[in-house]
Amino acid sequence: MNLLGNVQNMAGAEREDMLREIWPYLGPESKKDCLALDRAQGIGKAPEWKLR
């Protein structure tokens, strides 16, 4: 399983912290997948740092 897959399987705050650390290094497809997962899980507006 890849790093993004591992992060997506984490829970809550732990996931957010890890994702914040790796976000700048993710490619555009991974970012798009992550934002789609947020929408699927019912997470509202994406945090500002995810939109960079």
PDB file of N, CA and C in Angstrom:
ATOM      1  N   MET A   1       0.851  -1.187   0.000  1.00  0.00           N
ATOM      2  CA  MET A   1       0.000   0.000   0.000  1.00  0.00           C
ATOM      3  C   MET A   1       0.891   1.243   0.000  1.00  0.00           C
ATOM      4  N   ASN A   2       0.473   2.262  -0.732  1.00  0.00           N
ATOM      5  CA  ASN A   2       1.280   3.472  -0.809  1.00  0.00           C
ATOM      6  C   ASN A   2       1.052   4.379   0.398  1.00  0.00           C
ATOM      7  N   LEU A   3       1.860   5.425   0.481  1.00  0.00           N
ATOM      8  CA  LEU A   3       1.791   6.330   1.625  1.00  0.00           C
ATOM      9  C   LEU A   3       0.429   7.000   1.726  1.00  0.00           C
ATOM     10  N   LEU A   4      -0.102   7.466   0.601  1.00  0.00           N
ATOM     11  CA  LEU A   4      -1.412   8.111   0.641  1.00  0.00           C
ATOM     12  C   LEU A   4      -2.481   7.127   1.109  1.00  0.00           C
ATOM     13  N   GLY A   5      -2.398   5.882   0.666  1.00  0.00           N
ATOM     14  CA  GLY A   5      -3.340   4.861   1.111  1.00  0.00           C
ATOM     15  C   GLY A   5      -3.266   4.658   2.609  1.00  0.00           C
ATOM     16  N   ASN A   6      -2.065   4.639   3.148  1.00  0.00           N
ATOM     17  CA  ASN A   6      -1.894   4.499   4.597  1.00  0.00           C
ATOM     18  C   ASN A   6      -2.512   5.674   5.335  1.00  0.00           C
ATOM     19  N   VAL A   7      -2.286   6.881   4.832  1.00  0.00           N
ATOM     20  CA  VAL A   7      -2.832   8.073   5.477  1.00  0.00           C
ATOM     21  C   VAL A   7      -4.352   8.052   5.419  1.00  0.00           C
ATOM     22  N   GLN A   8      -4.925   7.617   4.300  1.00  0.00           N
ATOM     23  CA  GLN A   8      -6.378   7.585   4.167  1.00  0.00           C
ATOM     24  C   GLN A   8      -7.009   6.601   5.142  1.00  0.00           C
ATOM     25  N   ASN A   9      -6.274   5.606   5.577  1.00  0.00           N
ATOM     26  CA  ASN A   9      -6.804   4.621   6.518  1.00  0.00           C
ATOM     27  C   ASN A   9      -6.651   5.046   7.978  1.00  0.00           C
ATOM     28  N   MET A  10      -5.949   6.132   8.233  1.00  0.00           N
ATOM     29  CA  MET A  10      -5.787   6.624   9.603  1.00  0.00           C
ATOM     30  C   MET A  10      -7.073   7.308  10.053  1.00  0.00           C
ATOM     31  N   ALA A  11      -7.167   7.535  11.352  1.00  0.00           N
ATOM     32  CA  ALA A  11      -8.357   8.171  11.900  1.00  0.00           C
ATOM     33  C   ALA A  11      -8.092   9.627  12.269  1.00  0.00           C
ATOM     34  N   GLY A  12      -9.093  10.441  12.098  1.00  0.00           N
ATOM     35  CA  GLY A  12      -9.190  11.802  12.595  1.00  0.00           C
ATOM     36  C   GLY A  12      -7.953  12.663  12.617  1.00  0.00           C
ATOM     37  N   ALA A  13      -7.583  13.113  13.828  1.00  0.00           N
ATOM     38  CA  ALA A  13      -6.503  14.074  14.006  1.00  0.00           C
ATOM     39  C   ALA A  13      -5.164  13.522  13.541  1.00  0.00           C
ATOM     40  N   GLU A  14      -4.933  12.243  13.771  1.00  0.00           N
ATOM     41  CA  GLU A  14      -3.677  11.629  13.344  1.00  0.00           C
ATOM     42  C   GLU A  14      -3.549  11.719  11.820  1.00  0.00           C
ATOM     43  N   ARG A  15      -4.633  11.440  11.133  1.00  0.00           N
ATOM     44  CA  ARG A  15      -4.648  11.514   9.671  1.00  0.00           C
ATOM     45  C   ARG A  15      -4.375  12.941   9.212  1.00  0.00           C
ATOM     46  N   GLU A  16      -5.041  13.918   9.835  1.00  0.00           N
ATOM     47  CA  GLU A  16      -4.882  15.312   9.456  1.00  0.00           C
ATOM     48  C   GLU A  16      -3.434  15.760   9.629  1.00  0.00           C
ATOM     49  N   ASP A  17      -2.806  15.404  10.758  1.00  0.00           N
ATOM     50  CA  ASP A  17      -1.419  15.798  11.016  1.00  0.00           C
ATOM     51  C   ASP A  17      -0.471  15.205   9.985  1.00  0.00           C
ATOM     52  N   MET A  18      -0.623  13.922   9.708  1.00  0.00           N
ATOM     53  CA  MET A  18       0.248  13.250   8.745  1.00  0.00           C
ATOM     54  C   MET A  18       0.040  13.820   7.345  1.00  0.00           C
ATOM     55  N   LEU A  19      -1.204  14.031   6.986  1.00  0.00           N
ATOM     56  CA  LEU A  19      -1.505  14.549   5.657  1.00  0.00           C
ATOM     57  C   LEU A  19      -0.962  15.962   5.484  1.00  0.00           C
ATOM     58  N   ARG A  20      -1.044  16.766   6.534  1.00  0.00           N
ATOM     59  CA  ARG A  20      -0.511  18.133   6.466  1.00  0.00           C
ATOM     60  C   ARG A  20       0.994  18.102   6.186  1.00  0.00           C
ATOM     61  N   GLU A  21       1.691  17.139   6.764  1.00  0.00           N
ATOM     62  CA  GLU A  21       3.139  17.023   6.550  1.00  0.00           C
ATOM     63  C   GLU A  21       3.489  16.619   5.123  1.00  0.00           C
ATOM     64  N   ILE A  22       2.742  15.677   4.551  1.00  0.00           N
ATOM     65  CA  ILE A  22       3.118  15.166   3.228  1.00  0.00           C
ATOM     66  C   ILE A  22       2.448  15.911   2.077  1.00  0.00           C
ATOM     67  N   TRP A  23       1.454  16.749   2.372  1.00  0.00           N
ATOM     68  CA  TRP A  23       0.676  17.405   1.320  1.00  0.00           C
ATOM     69  C   TRP A  23       1.532  18.106   0.260  1.00  0.00           C
ATOM     70  N   PRO A  24       2.553  18.890   0.653  1.00  0.00           N
ATOM     71  CA  PRO A  24       3.340  19.598  -0.370  1.00  0.00           C
ATOM     72  C   PRO A  24       4.043  18.655  -1.353  1.00  0.00           C
ATOM     73  N   TYR A  25       4.233  17.419  -0.974  1.00  0.00           N
ATOM     74  CA  TYR A  25       4.977  16.471  -1.807  1.00  0.00           C
ATOM     75  C   TYR A  25       4.074  15.594  -2.674  1.00  0.00           C
ATOM     76  N   LEU A  26       2.766  15.667  -2.461  1.00  0.00           N
ATOM     77  CA  LEU A  26       1.839  14.850  -3.239  1.00  0.00           C
ATOM     78  C   LEU A  26       1.646  15.446  -4.629  1.00  0.00           C
ATOM     79  N   GLY A  27       1.435  14.588  -5.584  1.00  0.00           N
ATOM     80  CA  GLY A  27       1.148  15.036  -6.943  1.00  0.00           C
ATOM     81  C   GLY A  27      -0.305  15.465  -7.065  1.00  0.00           C
ATOM     82  N   PRO A  28      -0.651  16.101  -8.184  1.00  0.00           N
ATOM     83  CA  PRO A  28      -2.015  16.602  -8.357  1.00  0.00           C
ATOM     84  C   PRO A  28      -3.084  15.507  -8.315  1.00  0.00           C
ATOM     85  N   GLU A  29      -2.784  14.326  -8.841  1.00  0.00           N
ATOM     86  CA  GLU A  29      -3.774  13.239  -8.814  1.00  0.00           C
ATOM     87  C   GLU A  29      -4.031  12.764  -7.386  1.00  0.00           C
ATOM     88  N   SER A  30      -2.976  12.663  -6.586  1.00  0.00           N
ATOM     89  CA  SER A  30      -3.136  12.239  -5.191  1.00  0.00           C
ATOM     90  C   SER A  30      -3.939  13.263  -4.403  1.00  0.00           C
ATOM     91  N   LYS A  31      -3.677  14.543  -4.650  1.00  0.00           N
ATOM     92  CA  LYS A  31      -4.427  15.592  -3.964  1.00  0.00           C
ATOM     93  C   LYS A  31      -5.902  15.519  -4.350  1.00  0.00           C
ATOM     94  N   LYS A  32      -6.167  15.312  -5.630  1.00  0.00           N
ATOM     95  CA  LYS A  32      -7.549  15.216  -6.110  1.00  0.00           C
ATOM     96  C   LYS A  32      -8.246  14.015  -5.466  1.00  0.00           C
ATOM     97  N   ASP A  33      -7.544  12.882  -5.373  1.00  0.00           N
ATOM     98  CA  ASP A  33      -8.106  11.687  -4.736  1.00  0.00           C
ATOM     99  C   ASP A  33      -8.429  11.949  -3.270  1.00  0.00           C
ATOM    100  N   CYS A  34      -7.541  12.635  -2.600  1.00  0.00           N
ATOM    101  CA  CYS A  34      -7.721  12.912  -1.175  1.00  0.00           C
ATOM    102  C   CYS A  34      -8.920  13.832  -0.952  1.00  0.00           C
ATOM    103  N   LEU A  35      -9.048  14.869  -1.774  1.00  0.00           N
ATOM    104  CA  LEU A  35     -10.185  15.777  -1.640  1.00  0.00           C
ATOM    105  C   LEU A  35     -11.495  15.057  -1.958  1.00  0.00           C
ATOM    106  N   ALA A  36     -11.459  14.145  -2.925  1.00  0.00           N
ATOM    107  CA  ALA A  36     -12.649  13.350  -3.251  1.00  0.00           C
ATOM    108  C   ALA A  36     -13.028  12.453  -2.074  1.00  0.00           C
ATOM    109  N   LEU A  37     -12.028  11.884  -1.403  1.00  0.00           N
ATOM    110  CA  LEU A  37     -12.288  11.050  -0.228  1.00  0.00           C
ATOM    111  C   LEU A  37     -12.929  11.882   0.882  1.00  0.00           C
ATOM    112  N   ASP A  38     -12.432  13.100   1.087  1.00  0.00           N
ATOM    113  CA  ASP A  38     -13.037  13.988   2.083  1.00  0.00           C
ATOM    114  C   ASP A  38     -14.514  14.202   1.777  1.00  0.00           C
ATOM    115  N   ARG A  39     -14.825  14.479   0.525  1.00  0.00           N
ATOM    116  CA  ARG A  39     -16.225  14.703   0.137  1.00  0.00           C
ATOM    117  C   ARG A  39     -17.054  13.442   0.378  1.00  0.00           C
ATOM    118  N   ALA A  40     -16.504  12.292   0.037  1.00  0.00           N
ATOM    119  CA  ALA A  40     -17.221  11.026   0.212  1.00  0.00           C
ATOM    120  C   ALA A  40     -17.490  10.731   1.689  1.00  0.00           C
ATOM    121  N   GLN A  41     -16.581  11.176   2.557  1.00  0.00           N
ATOM    122  CA  GLN A  41     -16.744  10.941   3.994  1.00  0.00           C
ATOM    123  C   GLN A  41     -17.598  12.019   4.652  1.00  0.00           C
ATOM    124  N   GLY A  42     -18.070  12.970   3.853  1.00  0.00           N
ATOM    125  CA  GLY A  42     -18.937  14.006   4.391  1.00  0.00           C
ATOM    126  C   GLY A  42     -18.203  15.127   5.088  1.00  0.00           C
ATOM    127  N   ILE A  43     -16.894  15.218   4.856  1.00  0.00           N
ATOM    128  CA  ILE A  43     -16.129  16.316   5.443  1.00  0.00           C
ATOM    129  C   ILE A  43     -16.425  17.552   4.612  1.00  0.00           C
ATOM    130  N   GLY A  44     -16.814  18.625   5.273  1.00  0.00           N
ATOM    131  CA  GLY A  44     -17.227  19.833   4.562  1.00  0.00           C
ATOM    132  C   GLY A  44     -16.108  20.507   3.788  1.00  0.00           C
ATOM    133  N   LYS A  45     -15.976  21.785   3.988  1.00  0.00           N
ATOM    134  CA  LYS A  45     -15.008  22.586   3.252  1.00  0.00           C
ATOM    135  C   LYS A  45     -13.583  22.132   3.565  1.00  0.00           C
ATOM    136  N   ALA A  46     -12.772  22.036   2.518  1.00  0.00           N
ATOM    137  CA  ALA A  46     -11.375  21.629   2.697  1.00  0.00           C
ATOM    138  C   ALA A  46     -10.610  22.726   3.430  1.00  0.00           C
ATOM    139  N   PRO A  47      -9.702  22.340   4.333  1.00  0.00           N
ATOM    140  CA  PRO A  47      -8.877  23.338   5.006  1.00  0.00           C
ATOM    141  C   PRO A  47      -8.043  24.121   3.992  1.00  0.00           C
ATOM    142  N   GLU A  48      -7.699  25.336   4.339  1.00  0.00           N
ATOM    143  CA  GLU A  48      -6.936  26.216   3.445  1.00  0.00           C
ATOM    144  C   GLU A  48      -5.645  25.566   2.959  1.00  0.00           C
ATOM    145  N   TRP A  49      -4.950  24.829   3.838  1.00  0.00           N
ATOM    146  CA  TRP A  49      -3.667  24.239   3.450  1.00  0.00           C
ATOM    147  C   TRP A  49      -3.827  23.162   2.388  1.00  0.00           C
ATOM    148  N   LYS A  50      -5.004  22.566   2.272  1.00  0.00           N
ATOM    149  CA  LYS A  50      -5.223  21.537   1.260  1.00  0.00           C
ATOM    150  C   LYS A  50      -5.452  22.138  -0.123  1.00  0.00           C
ATOM    151  N   LEU A  51      -5.738  23.397  -0.189  1.00  0.00           N
ATOM    152  CA  LEU A  51      -6.043  24.026  -1.466  1.00  0.00           C
ATOM    153  C   LEU A  51      -4.804  24.592  -2.143  1.00  0.00           C
ATOM    154  N   ARG A  52      -3.661  24.452  -1.528  1.00  0.00           N
ATOM    155  CA  ARG A  52      -2.416  24.974  -2.120  1.00  0.00           C
ATOM    156  C   ARG A  52      -1.836  23.992  -3.082  1.00  0.00           C
TER     157      ARG A  52
END
